[in-house]
Protein backbone atom coordinates (compact mmCIF):
# COMPACT_ATOMS: atom_id res chain seq x y z
CA MET A 1 77.80 -35.63 109.01
CA THR A 2 76.96 -36.02 105.52
CA GLU A 3 73.29 -36.13 104.33
CA SER A 4 72.26 -38.16 101.37
CA THR A 5 69.06 -37.85 99.41
CA PRO A 6 66.70 -40.73 99.86
CA ALA A 7 65.50 -42.91 96.99
CA VAL A 8 62.10 -41.77 95.91
CA ASN A 9 60.53 -45.06 97.32
CA GLU A 10 61.96 -44.67 100.71
CA ALA A 11 61.00 -40.96 100.87
CA ALA A 12 57.45 -41.89 99.89
CA ALA A 13 57.36 -44.59 102.31
CA SER A 14 58.59 -42.48 105.17
CA LYS A 15 56.19 -40.00 104.78
CA MET A 16 52.84 -40.13 106.73
CA THR A 17 50.75 -38.46 103.90
CA LEU A 18 50.90 -38.64 100.08
CA ASP A 19 49.53 -36.01 97.59
CA ILE A 20 48.21 -36.92 94.31
CA HIS A 21 51.74 -36.01 92.85
CA ASP A 22 53.45 -38.71 94.87
CA ILE A 23 50.58 -41.16 94.56
CA LEU A 24 51.16 -40.93 90.68
CA LYS A 25 54.98 -41.65 91.12
CA ILE A 26 53.95 -45.00 93.06
CA LEU A 27 50.77 -46.28 91.15
CA PRO A 28 50.82 -47.19 87.60
CA HIS A 29 46.91 -46.16 87.34
CA ARG A 30 45.95 -42.82 85.50
CA TYR A 31 42.34 -41.17 85.14
CA PRO A 32 39.51 -42.39 84.87
CA PHE A 33 41.06 -45.40 86.66
CA LEU A 34 42.85 -43.73 89.42
CA LEU A 35 40.65 -44.03 92.34
CA ILE A 36 42.35 -42.66 95.26
CA ASP A 37 43.40 -38.81 95.77
CA ARG A 38 45.24 -38.79 98.91
CA VAL A 39 46.95 -40.51 101.46
CA LEU A 40 46.09 -39.29 104.90
CA GLU A 41 48.06 -41.95 106.70
CA LEU A 42 50.87 -44.62 106.14
CA GLN A 43 52.31 -47.25 108.34
CA ARG A 44 55.28 -49.35 106.46
CA LYS A 45 53.94 -52.43 105.60
CA GLU A 46 51.29 -52.19 108.03
CA ARG A 47 48.15 -49.91 107.47
CA ILE A 48 47.07 -46.89 105.09
CA VAL A 49 44.36 -44.30 105.06
CA ALA A 50 43.46 -42.69 101.81
CA ILE A 51 40.51 -40.28 100.43
CA LYS A 52 38.63 -40.75 96.94
CA ASN A 53 36.60 -37.51 96.40
CA VAL A 54 33.64 -38.91 94.69
CA THR A 55 32.12 -36.43 91.88
CA ILE A 56 29.29 -36.19 89.39
CA ASN A 57 32.28 -36.35 86.63
CA GLU A 58 33.11 -39.63 87.10
CA PRO A 59 32.75 -41.50 83.89
CA PHE A 60 30.80 -44.39 85.65
CA PHE A 61 28.04 -42.25 86.65
CA ASN A 62 26.69 -41.69 83.02
CA GLY A 63 25.44 -45.45 82.95
CA HIS A 64 25.27 -46.72 86.77
CA PHE A 65 22.52 -45.25 87.30
CA PRO A 66 20.89 -42.44 85.05
CA GLY A 67 19.04 -40.32 87.25
CA LEU A 68 20.34 -42.21 90.63
CA PRO A 69 24.14 -42.07 90.37
CA ILE A 70 25.65 -44.56 92.72
CA MET A 71 29.26 -45.67 92.53
CA PRO A 72 29.75 -49.47 91.47
CA GLY A 73 30.74 -51.48 94.36
CA VAL A 74 33.24 -53.14 92.22
CA LEU A 75 35.26 -49.53 92.22
CA ILE A 76 35.01 -49.30 95.70
CA VAL A 77 36.95 -52.62 95.95
CA GLU A 78 39.45 -51.65 93.22
CA ALA A 79 39.89 -48.06 95.51
CA ILE A 80 40.84 -50.47 98.47
CA ALA A 81 43.23 -52.38 96.13
CA GLN A 82 44.72 -49.40 94.83
CA ALA A 83 45.05 -47.91 98.80
CA GLY A 84 46.66 -51.26 99.38
CA GLY A 85 49.06 -51.12 96.32
CA ALA A 86 50.11 -47.83 97.44
CA LEU A 87 51.11 -48.97 100.70
CA LEU A 88 52.99 -52.07 99.18
CA LEU A 89 54.59 -50.42 96.10
CA THR A 90 56.49 -47.79 98.20
CA GLU A 91 58.42 -51.20 99.49
CA VAL A 92 59.32 -52.04 96.19
CA GLU A 93 62.51 -50.76 94.79
CA ASP A 94 61.94 -51.44 90.86
CA ARG A 95 58.43 -50.27 91.15
CA ASN A 96 58.04 -48.74 87.69
CA ASN A 97 58.79 -52.44 86.37
CA LYS A 98 56.03 -54.21 88.53
CA VAL A 99 52.19 -54.05 88.65
CA MET A 100 50.40 -55.31 91.60
CA VAL A 101 47.10 -57.70 90.32
CA PHE A 102 44.26 -59.23 91.99
CA THR A 103 44.60 -62.75 92.93
CA GLY A 104 41.50 -62.66 95.03
CA ILE A 105 38.56 -60.99 96.68
CA ASP A 106 37.02 -62.30 99.72
CA ARG A 107 34.10 -61.69 102.24
CA ALA A 108 33.10 -58.28 99.92
CA LYS A 109 30.31 -56.23 101.48
CA PHE A 110 28.62 -53.44 100.27
CA ARG A 111 26.41 -51.47 103.05
CA ARG A 112 25.26 -48.22 101.74
CA PRO A 113 25.42 -46.47 98.23
CA VAL A 114 28.25 -44.11 97.50
CA SER A 115 27.14 -41.03 95.73
CA PRO A 116 28.40 -38.05 93.99
CA GLY A 117 29.77 -35.34 96.68
CA ASP A 118 30.75 -38.33 99.01
CA GLN A 119 34.42 -38.51 100.10
CA LEU A 120 35.27 -42.29 100.56
CA ARG A 121 37.79 -42.74 103.46
CA ILE A 122 39.67 -46.32 102.88
CA GLU A 123 41.51 -47.82 105.57
CA VAL A 124 43.66 -50.83 104.60
CA GLU A 125 45.36 -53.25 106.97
CA VAL A 126 48.06 -55.88 105.83
CA LYS A 127 47.08 -59.43 106.98
CA ALA A 128 50.09 -61.08 105.29
CA TRP A 129 52.89 -60.32 103.23
CA ARG A 130 55.05 -62.88 101.74
CA VAL A 131 58.39 -62.10 99.83
CA ILE A 132 60.03 -64.87 98.19
CA PRO A 133 62.56 -64.82 95.16
CA ARG A 134 60.86 -63.42 92.04
CA MET A 135 57.43 -63.04 94.10
CA THR A 136 55.79 -60.87 96.51
CA ALA A 137 52.41 -61.43 97.35
CA ALA A 138 50.24 -59.83 99.71
CA LYS A 139 46.44 -60.01 101.54
CA MET A 140 44.78 -56.83 102.79
CA HIS A 141 41.46 -56.11 104.76
CA GLY A 142 39.94 -52.84 103.66
CA VAL A 143 37.04 -50.88 104.82
CA ALA A 144 35.49 -47.94 102.95
CA TYR A 145 33.65 -45.05 105.09
CA VAL A 146 31.56 -42.12 104.15
CA ALA A 147 30.73 -39.45 107.09
CA GLY A 148 32.09 -42.06 109.43
CA LYS A 149 29.71 -44.68 108.16
CA ARG A 150 30.86 -48.24 106.93
CA VAL A 151 29.85 -48.51 103.34
CA ALA A 152 31.88 -51.37 102.02
CA GLU A 153 34.49 -53.92 102.88
CA ALA A 154 36.74 -56.57 101.39
CA THR A 155 39.58 -58.61 101.90
CA VAL A 156 41.94 -58.50 98.78
CA SER A 157 44.98 -60.74 97.72
CA CYS A 158 47.31 -59.45 95.31
CA GLN A 159 50.60 -60.40 93.75
CA LEU A 160 53.37 -58.16 92.05
CA ILE A 161 54.09 -59.32 88.56
CA ASP A 162 56.70 -57.98 86.34
CA SER A 163 54.95 -55.30 84.08
CA LEU A 164 56.34 -56.54 80.90
CA ARG A 165 55.24 -60.12 81.24
CA GLY A 166 52.95 -60.97 78.63
CA ARG A 167 54.00 -58.41 76.26
CA ALA A 168 55.38 -59.78 72.85
CA GLU A 169 59.16 -59.99 72.80
CA GLY A 170 60.90 -57.15 70.90
CA SER A 171 57.93 -54.98 71.69
CA ASN A 172 58.53 -51.55 73.16
CA ASP A 173 56.47 -48.74 74.75
CA ALA A 174 56.98 -46.67 71.41
CA ASP A 175 55.05 -49.47 69.66
CA ASN A 176 51.37 -48.70 70.62
CA GLY A 177 49.60 -50.59 68.19
CA ALA A 178 49.65 -48.01 65.53
CA PRO A 179 50.74 -48.91 61.94
CA ALA A 180 54.22 -48.47 61.50
CA GLU A 181 55.21 -45.35 59.09
């Protein structure tokens, strides 16, 4: 029997856990906006559990709030979306050319503050997944916990779009807005 090396997305999707190196291969986000550090559980097209280690070095703590650092609730919702994106993008073969964007946020609730030193446990469950030619969309419900206590939750809707969409024709990655030499 001959073994073959699986494609990156198949290998990532079949793993039950993902470390930061795997996450960086799946999500386009980078510091300071990458908001998940590890995936503890992954059930393809169904559910993901990720963690975010919250540290005082997070740039948003400089102004939110001086003397009382609290992670902004919108960033907790973004972490939920990123965890869901990691789950969904493992199923997309050409994910390097795609970006998952919000199309809706429903029933967002913030129950407790999240502070430096906390570890967010983010549990996301797929509620709907629709694939039609040239479009993939999903609805997911996520809950964030700290020390077993619910701190936030939201239902997020998203759609997969071509990452080149909206860029001017003829532009390329080398053209970063710097003047030509």
